[in-house]
């Protein structure tokens, strides 16, 4: 059972930056996709950015040009560099890992709050 632990959330002023990290509890060679999602209270969880096993990336339109997803493959750590943050980026951010064998794992979430 893979466990994901996020860190790096916090309170920042609009225009500021944060970097989120997501560390997997064990190394697996069967990663299909890893990504970041976010969810506000009462709303559906939405995609922020994902990275496939080949390094291909996908971003939500709302974060393109501001957020960058990256991964340390040796340590299985996923990052999300968030620049030019806006109040509407305020959410709980979740890390996700999907394996080639159908495993689908989520972290506990980390709060990001952007003040205006």
N, C-alpha and C. Protein backbone atom coordinates (compact mmCIF):
# COMPACT_ATOMS: atom_id res chain seq x y z
N UNK A 1 0.85 -1.19 0.00
CA UNK A 1 0.00 0.00 0.00
C UNK A 1 0.89 1.25 0.00
N UNK A 2 0.79 2.03 -1.03
CA UNK A 2 1.60 3.25 -1.14
C UNK A 2 0.93 4.37 -0.35
N UNK A 3 1.69 5.06 0.45
CA UNK A 3 1.18 6.24 1.15
C UNK A 3 1.85 7.48 0.59
N UNK A 4 1.07 8.52 0.45
CA UNK A 4 1.57 9.79 -0.09
C UNK A 4 1.46 10.86 0.99
N UNK A 5 2.53 11.60 1.18
CA UNK A 5 2.55 12.63 2.21
C UNK A 5 2.88 13.97 1.55
N UNK A 6 1.92 14.90 1.62
CA UNK A 6 2.13 16.23 1.03
C UNK A 6 2.69 17.18 2.08
N UNK A 7 3.39 18.18 1.59
CA UNK A 7 3.88 19.25 2.44
C UNK A 7 4.08 20.50 1.60
N UNK A 8 4.26 21.62 2.27
CA UNK A 8 4.57 22.85 1.56
C UNK A 8 3.43 23.84 1.46
N UNK A 9 2.25 23.46 1.90
CA UNK A 9 1.14 24.40 1.86
C UNK A 9 1.31 25.50 2.89
N UNK A 10 0.45 26.49 2.82
CA UNK A 10 0.53 27.58 3.80
C UNK A 10 -0.22 28.80 3.33
N UNK A 11 0.06 29.90 3.99
CA UNK A 11 -0.58 31.18 3.69
C UNK A 11 0.41 32.07 2.96
N UNK A 12 -0.03 32.65 1.86
CA UNK A 12 0.84 33.52 1.08
C UNK A 12 0.00 34.65 0.51
N UNK A 13 0.63 35.78 0.27
CA UNK A 13 -0.07 36.90 -0.34
C UNK A 13 -0.19 36.70 -1.85
N UNK A 14 -1.18 37.32 -2.41
CA UNK A 14 -1.35 37.26 -3.86
C UNK A 14 -0.08 37.72 -4.56
N UNK A 15 0.29 36.98 -5.60
CA UNK A 15 1.53 37.27 -6.31
C UNK A 15 2.73 36.48 -5.80
N UNK A 16 2.55 35.84 -4.66
CA UNK A 16 3.64 35.08 -4.07
C UNK A 16 3.76 33.68 -4.64
N UNK A 17 4.66 32.91 -4.05
CA UNK A 17 4.95 31.56 -4.54
C UNK A 17 4.96 30.55 -3.40
N UNK A 18 4.64 29.33 -3.74
CA UNK A 18 4.76 28.19 -2.84
C UNK A 18 5.20 26.99 -3.65
N UNK A 19 5.87 26.05 -2.98
CA UNK A 19 6.21 24.80 -3.62
C UNK A 19 5.67 23.65 -2.78
N UNK A 20 4.82 22.87 -3.40
CA UNK A 20 4.27 21.69 -2.73
C UNK A 20 5.14 20.47 -3.06
N UNK A 21 5.22 19.58 -2.09
CA UNK A 21 5.94 18.32 -2.28
C UNK A 21 5.05 17.16 -1.90
N UNK A 22 5.27 16.05 -2.55
CA UNK A 22 4.50 14.83 -2.26
C UNK A 22 5.48 13.66 -2.30
N UNK A 23 5.68 13.03 -1.16
CA UNK A 23 6.62 11.93 -1.07
C UNK A 23 5.88 10.61 -0.96
N UNK A 24 6.27 9.64 -1.78
CA UNK A 24 5.67 8.31 -1.71
C UNK A 24 6.41 7.48 -0.67
N UNK A 25 5.67 6.63 0.02
CA UNK A 25 6.25 5.85 1.12
C UNK A 25 7.15 4.74 0.63
N UNK A 26 6.99 4.33 -0.60
CA UNK A 26 7.83 3.27 -1.11
C UNK A 26 8.04 3.46 -2.60
N UNK A 27 9.14 2.98 -3.03
CA UNK A 27 9.47 3.11 -4.44
C UNK A 27 8.69 2.07 -5.24
N UNK A 28 8.12 2.53 -6.33
CA UNK A 28 7.43 1.60 -7.21
C UNK A 28 7.84 1.88 -8.64
N UNK A 29 8.01 0.85 -9.40
CA UNK A 29 8.39 1.01 -10.80
C UNK A 29 7.19 0.99 -11.73
N UNK A 30 5.99 0.94 -11.12
CA UNK A 30 4.81 0.79 -11.95
C UNK A 30 3.96 2.06 -11.99
N UNK A 31 4.61 3.20 -11.85
CA UNK A 31 3.84 4.44 -11.89
C UNK A 31 3.35 4.71 -13.30
N UNK A 32 2.08 4.95 -13.41
CA UNK A 32 1.48 5.33 -14.68
C UNK A 32 1.36 6.85 -14.77
N UNK A 33 0.98 7.46 -13.66
CA UNK A 33 0.70 8.88 -13.66
C UNK A 33 0.74 9.41 -12.22
N UNK A 34 1.26 10.62 -12.06
CA UNK A 34 1.17 11.31 -10.78
C UNK A 34 0.64 12.71 -11.04
N UNK A 35 -0.04 13.25 -10.06
CA UNK A 35 -0.59 14.56 -10.31
C UNK A 35 -1.04 15.28 -9.06
N UNK A 36 -1.42 16.51 -9.26
CA UNK A 36 -1.97 17.37 -8.23
C UNK A 36 -3.40 17.75 -8.59
N UNK A 37 -4.24 17.69 -7.57
CA UNK A 37 -5.63 18.09 -7.71
C UNK A 37 -5.95 19.04 -6.57
N UNK A 38 -7.03 19.79 -6.70
CA UNK A 38 -7.43 20.67 -5.62
C UNK A 38 -8.94 20.65 -5.46
N UNK A 39 -9.35 20.99 -4.24
CA UNK A 39 -10.77 20.93 -3.93
C UNK A 39 -11.13 21.97 -2.90
N UNK A 40 -12.17 22.72 -3.20
CA UNK A 40 -12.72 23.68 -2.26
C UNK A 40 -13.93 23.05 -1.58
N UNK A 41 -14.29 23.51 -0.39
CA UNK A 41 -15.45 22.95 0.31
C UNK A 41 -16.71 23.02 -0.54
N UNK A 42 -17.40 21.89 -0.66
CA UNK A 42 -18.64 21.85 -1.41
C UNK A 42 -18.48 21.76 -2.91
N UNK A 43 -17.24 21.67 -3.37
CA UNK A 43 -17.00 21.59 -4.81
C UNK A 43 -16.31 20.29 -5.16
N UNK A 44 -16.36 19.95 -6.44
CA UNK A 44 -15.69 18.74 -6.90
C UNK A 44 -14.18 18.94 -6.96
N UNK A 45 -13.47 17.84 -6.76
CA UNK A 45 -12.02 17.89 -6.89
C UNK A 45 -11.68 18.11 -8.36
N UNK A 46 -10.73 19.00 -8.62
CA UNK A 46 -10.38 19.32 -10.00
C UNK A 46 -8.89 19.13 -10.24
N UNK A 47 -8.58 18.80 -11.47
CA UNK A 47 -7.19 18.61 -11.87
C UNK A 47 -6.45 19.93 -11.88
N UNK A 48 -5.23 19.89 -11.36
CA UNK A 48 -4.33 21.05 -11.44
C UNK A 48 -3.24 20.76 -12.47
N UNK A 49 -2.52 19.65 -12.26
CA UNK A 49 -1.45 19.28 -13.18
C UNK A 49 -1.13 17.80 -12.99
N UNK A 50 -0.77 17.15 -14.07
CA UNK A 50 -0.38 15.74 -14.00
C UNK A 50 0.88 15.50 -14.81
N UNK A 51 1.56 14.41 -14.46
CA UNK A 51 2.76 14.03 -15.20
C UNK A 51 2.72 12.53 -15.42
N UNK A 52 2.83 12.12 -16.67
CA UNK A 52 2.84 10.72 -17.01
C UNK A 52 4.21 10.10 -16.80
N UNK A 53 4.28 8.81 -16.99
CA UNK A 53 5.52 8.08 -16.74
C UNK A 53 6.63 8.50 -17.70
N UNK A 54 6.26 9.02 -18.84
CA UNK A 54 7.25 9.46 -19.81
C UNK A 54 7.62 10.93 -19.64
N UNK A 55 7.09 11.53 -18.60
CA UNK A 55 7.39 12.94 -18.35
C UNK A 55 6.44 13.91 -19.02
N UNK A 56 5.47 13.40 -19.74
CA UNK A 56 4.50 14.28 -20.37
C UNK A 56 3.63 14.94 -19.31
N UNK A 57 3.34 16.22 -19.50
CA UNK A 57 2.59 16.99 -18.51
C UNK A 57 1.28 17.51 -19.07
N UNK A 58 0.38 17.79 -18.14
CA UNK A 58 -0.93 18.33 -18.49
C UNK A 58 -1.32 19.31 -17.39
N UNK A 59 -1.80 20.48 -17.78
CA UNK A 59 -2.15 21.52 -16.81
C UNK A 59 -3.57 22.00 -17.04
N UNK A 60 -4.21 22.38 -15.95
CA UNK A 60 -5.48 23.08 -16.07
C UNK A 60 -5.22 24.44 -16.70
N UNK A 61 -6.15 24.91 -17.50
CA UNK A 61 -5.97 26.20 -18.17
C UNK A 61 -5.73 27.32 -17.16
N UNK A 62 -6.34 27.23 -16.01
CA UNK A 62 -6.26 28.30 -15.02
C UNK A 62 -4.88 28.44 -14.39
N UNK A 63 -4.03 27.43 -14.54
CA UNK A 63 -2.71 27.50 -13.91
C UNK A 63 -1.57 27.49 -14.92
N UNK A 64 -1.88 27.35 -16.20
CA UNK A 64 -0.83 27.31 -17.22
C UNK A 64 -0.01 28.59 -17.18
N UNK A 65 1.31 28.40 -17.24
CA UNK A 65 2.20 29.56 -17.20
C UNK A 65 2.55 30.02 -15.81
N UNK A 66 1.83 29.52 -14.80
CA UNK A 66 2.10 29.92 -13.41
C UNK A 66 2.59 28.75 -12.57
N UNK A 67 2.09 27.57 -12.82
CA UNK A 67 2.44 26.39 -12.04
C UNK A 67 3.31 25.46 -12.88
N UNK A 68 4.23 24.76 -12.21
CA UNK A 68 5.09 23.78 -12.89
C UNK A 68 5.14 22.50 -12.06
N UNK A 69 4.83 21.39 -12.70
CA UNK A 69 4.90 20.09 -12.05
C UNK A 69 6.22 19.43 -12.41
N UNK A 70 6.83 18.76 -11.44
CA UNK A 70 8.07 18.05 -11.70
C UNK A 70 8.16 16.86 -10.75
N UNK A 71 9.11 15.99 -11.03
CA UNK A 71 9.21 14.76 -10.23
C UNK A 71 10.65 14.34 -10.08
N UNK A 72 11.01 13.93 -8.88
CA UNK A 72 12.30 13.30 -8.61
C UNK A 72 12.06 11.80 -8.70
N UNK A 73 12.47 11.20 -9.79
CA UNK A 73 12.17 9.78 -10.00
C UNK A 73 12.93 8.87 -9.05
N UNK A 74 14.11 9.28 -8.64
CA UNK A 74 14.91 8.43 -7.76
C UNK A 74 14.25 8.30 -6.39
N UNK A 75 13.66 9.39 -5.92
CA UNK A 75 13.06 9.39 -4.59
C UNK A 75 11.55 9.31 -4.62
N UNK A 76 10.97 9.31 -5.79
CA UNK A 76 9.52 9.33 -5.96
C UNK A 76 8.92 10.49 -5.16
N UNK A 77 9.37 11.68 -5.47
CA UNK A 77 8.81 12.89 -4.89
C UNK A 77 8.24 13.74 -6.02
N UNK A 78 7.02 14.14 -5.87
CA UNK A 78 6.35 14.99 -6.85
C UNK A 78 6.31 16.41 -6.31
N UNK A 79 6.58 17.37 -7.18
CA UNK A 79 6.57 18.77 -6.78
C UNK A 79 5.54 19.56 -7.59
N UNK A 80 5.10 20.64 -7.00
CA UNK A 80 4.29 21.61 -7.72
C UNK A 80 4.78 23.00 -7.34
N UNK A 81 5.47 23.63 -8.25
CA UNK A 81 5.92 25.02 -8.05
C UNK A 81 4.80 25.94 -8.47
N UNK A 82 4.34 26.76 -7.55
CA UNK A 82 3.21 27.65 -7.82
C UNK A 82 3.68 29.09 -7.70
N UNK A 83 3.66 29.80 -8.81
CA UNK A 83 4.07 31.20 -8.86
C UNK A 83 2.86 32.08 -9.19
N UNK A 84 3.02 33.36 -8.94
CA UNK A 84 1.96 34.34 -9.24
C UNK A 84 0.61 33.87 -8.70
N UNK A 85 0.61 33.47 -7.46
CA UNK A 85 -0.60 32.91 -6.87
C UNK A 85 -1.70 33.96 -6.76
N UNK A 86 -2.93 33.48 -6.93
CA UNK A 86 -4.12 34.33 -6.88
C UNK A 86 -5.04 33.83 -5.77
N UNK A 87 -5.88 34.70 -5.25
CA UNK A 87 -6.83 34.26 -4.21
C UNK A 87 -7.67 33.06 -4.64
N UNK A 88 -7.98 32.99 -5.93
CA UNK A 88 -8.80 31.86 -6.41
C UNK A 88 -8.03 30.54 -6.43
N UNK A 89 -6.74 30.58 -6.15
CA UNK A 89 -5.97 29.33 -6.02
C UNK A 89 -6.13 28.72 -4.63
N UNK A 90 -6.80 29.43 -3.74
CA UNK A 90 -7.02 28.91 -2.38
C UNK A 90 -7.85 27.64 -2.42
N UNK A 91 -7.29 26.56 -1.88
CA UNK A 91 -7.93 25.25 -1.91
C UNK A 91 -7.10 24.30 -1.06
N UNK A 92 -7.64 23.09 -0.89
CA UNK A 92 -6.83 22.00 -0.37
C UNK A 92 -6.27 21.26 -1.58
N UNK A 93 -4.97 21.06 -1.59
CA UNK A 93 -4.30 20.43 -2.72
C UNK A 93 -3.95 18.98 -2.35
N UNK A 94 -4.28 18.08 -3.27
CA UNK A 94 -4.09 16.65 -3.06
C UNK A 94 -3.14 16.07 -4.09
N UNK A 95 -2.29 15.18 -3.64
CA UNK A 95 -1.39 14.44 -4.51
C UNK A 95 -2.04 13.11 -4.88
N UNK A 96 -1.83 12.69 -6.11
CA UNK A 96 -2.40 11.44 -6.59
C UNK A 96 -1.36 10.62 -7.34
N UNK A 97 -1.40 9.31 -7.13
CA UNK A 97 -0.51 8.40 -7.85
C UNK A 97 -1.35 7.25 -8.39
N UNK A 98 -1.21 6.98 -9.66
CA UNK A 98 -1.91 5.87 -10.31
C UNK A 98 -0.86 4.91 -10.85
N UNK A 99 -1.05 3.63 -10.55
CA UNK A 99 -0.10 2.63 -11.04
C UNK A 99 -0.64 1.93 -12.29
N UNK A 100 0.23 1.25 -12.96
CA UNK A 100 -0.14 0.52 -14.18
C UNK A 100 -1.00 -0.70 -13.87
N UNK A 101 -1.12 -1.05 -12.60
CA UNK A 101 -1.91 -2.21 -12.21
C UNK A 101 -3.24 -1.79 -11.59
N UNK A 102 -3.60 -0.54 -11.76
CA UNK A 102 -4.89 -0.08 -11.29
C UNK A 102 -4.91 0.54 -9.90
N UNK A 103 -3.78 0.62 -9.26
CA UNK A 103 -3.72 1.27 -7.96
C UNK A 103 -3.95 2.76 -8.08
N UNK A 104 -4.70 3.32 -7.16
CA UNK A 104 -5.06 4.74 -7.22
C UNK A 104 -4.96 5.28 -5.79
N UNK A 105 -3.94 6.10 -5.54
CA UNK A 105 -3.63 6.53 -4.18
C UNK A 105 -3.71 8.04 -4.06
N UNK A 106 -4.17 8.49 -2.87
CA UNK A 106 -4.29 9.92 -2.60
C UNK A 106 -3.60 10.27 -1.30
N UNK A 107 -3.04 11.47 -1.27
CA UNK A 107 -2.49 12.00 -0.03
C UNK A 107 -3.59 12.58 0.83
N UNK A 108 -3.22 13.10 1.98
CA UNK A 108 -4.20 13.62 2.93
C UNK A 108 -4.58 15.06 2.62
N UNK A 109 -3.84 15.71 1.75
CA UNK A 109 -4.15 17.09 1.38
C UNK A 109 -3.35 18.10 2.17
N UNK A 110 -3.06 19.21 1.52
CA UNK A 110 -2.38 20.32 2.18
C UNK A 110 -3.09 21.62 1.80
N UNK A 111 -3.32 22.47 2.78
CA UNK A 111 -4.08 23.69 2.56
C UNK A 111 -3.19 24.79 1.97
N UNK A 112 -3.68 25.40 0.92
CA UNK A 112 -3.04 26.59 0.34
C UNK A 112 -4.03 27.74 0.44
N UNK A 113 -3.60 28.82 1.08
CA UNK A 113 -4.45 29.99 1.23
C UNK A 113 -3.72 31.20 0.67
N UNK A 114 -4.36 31.88 -0.27
CA UNK A 114 -3.77 33.06 -0.89
C UNK A 114 -4.62 34.26 -0.51
N UNK A 115 -3.99 35.21 0.19
CA UNK A 115 -4.71 36.40 0.63
C UNK A 115 -4.58 37.51 -0.41
N UNK A 116 -5.62 38.32 -0.50
CA UNK A 116 -5.61 39.40 -1.49
C UNK A 116 -4.99 40.66 -0.92
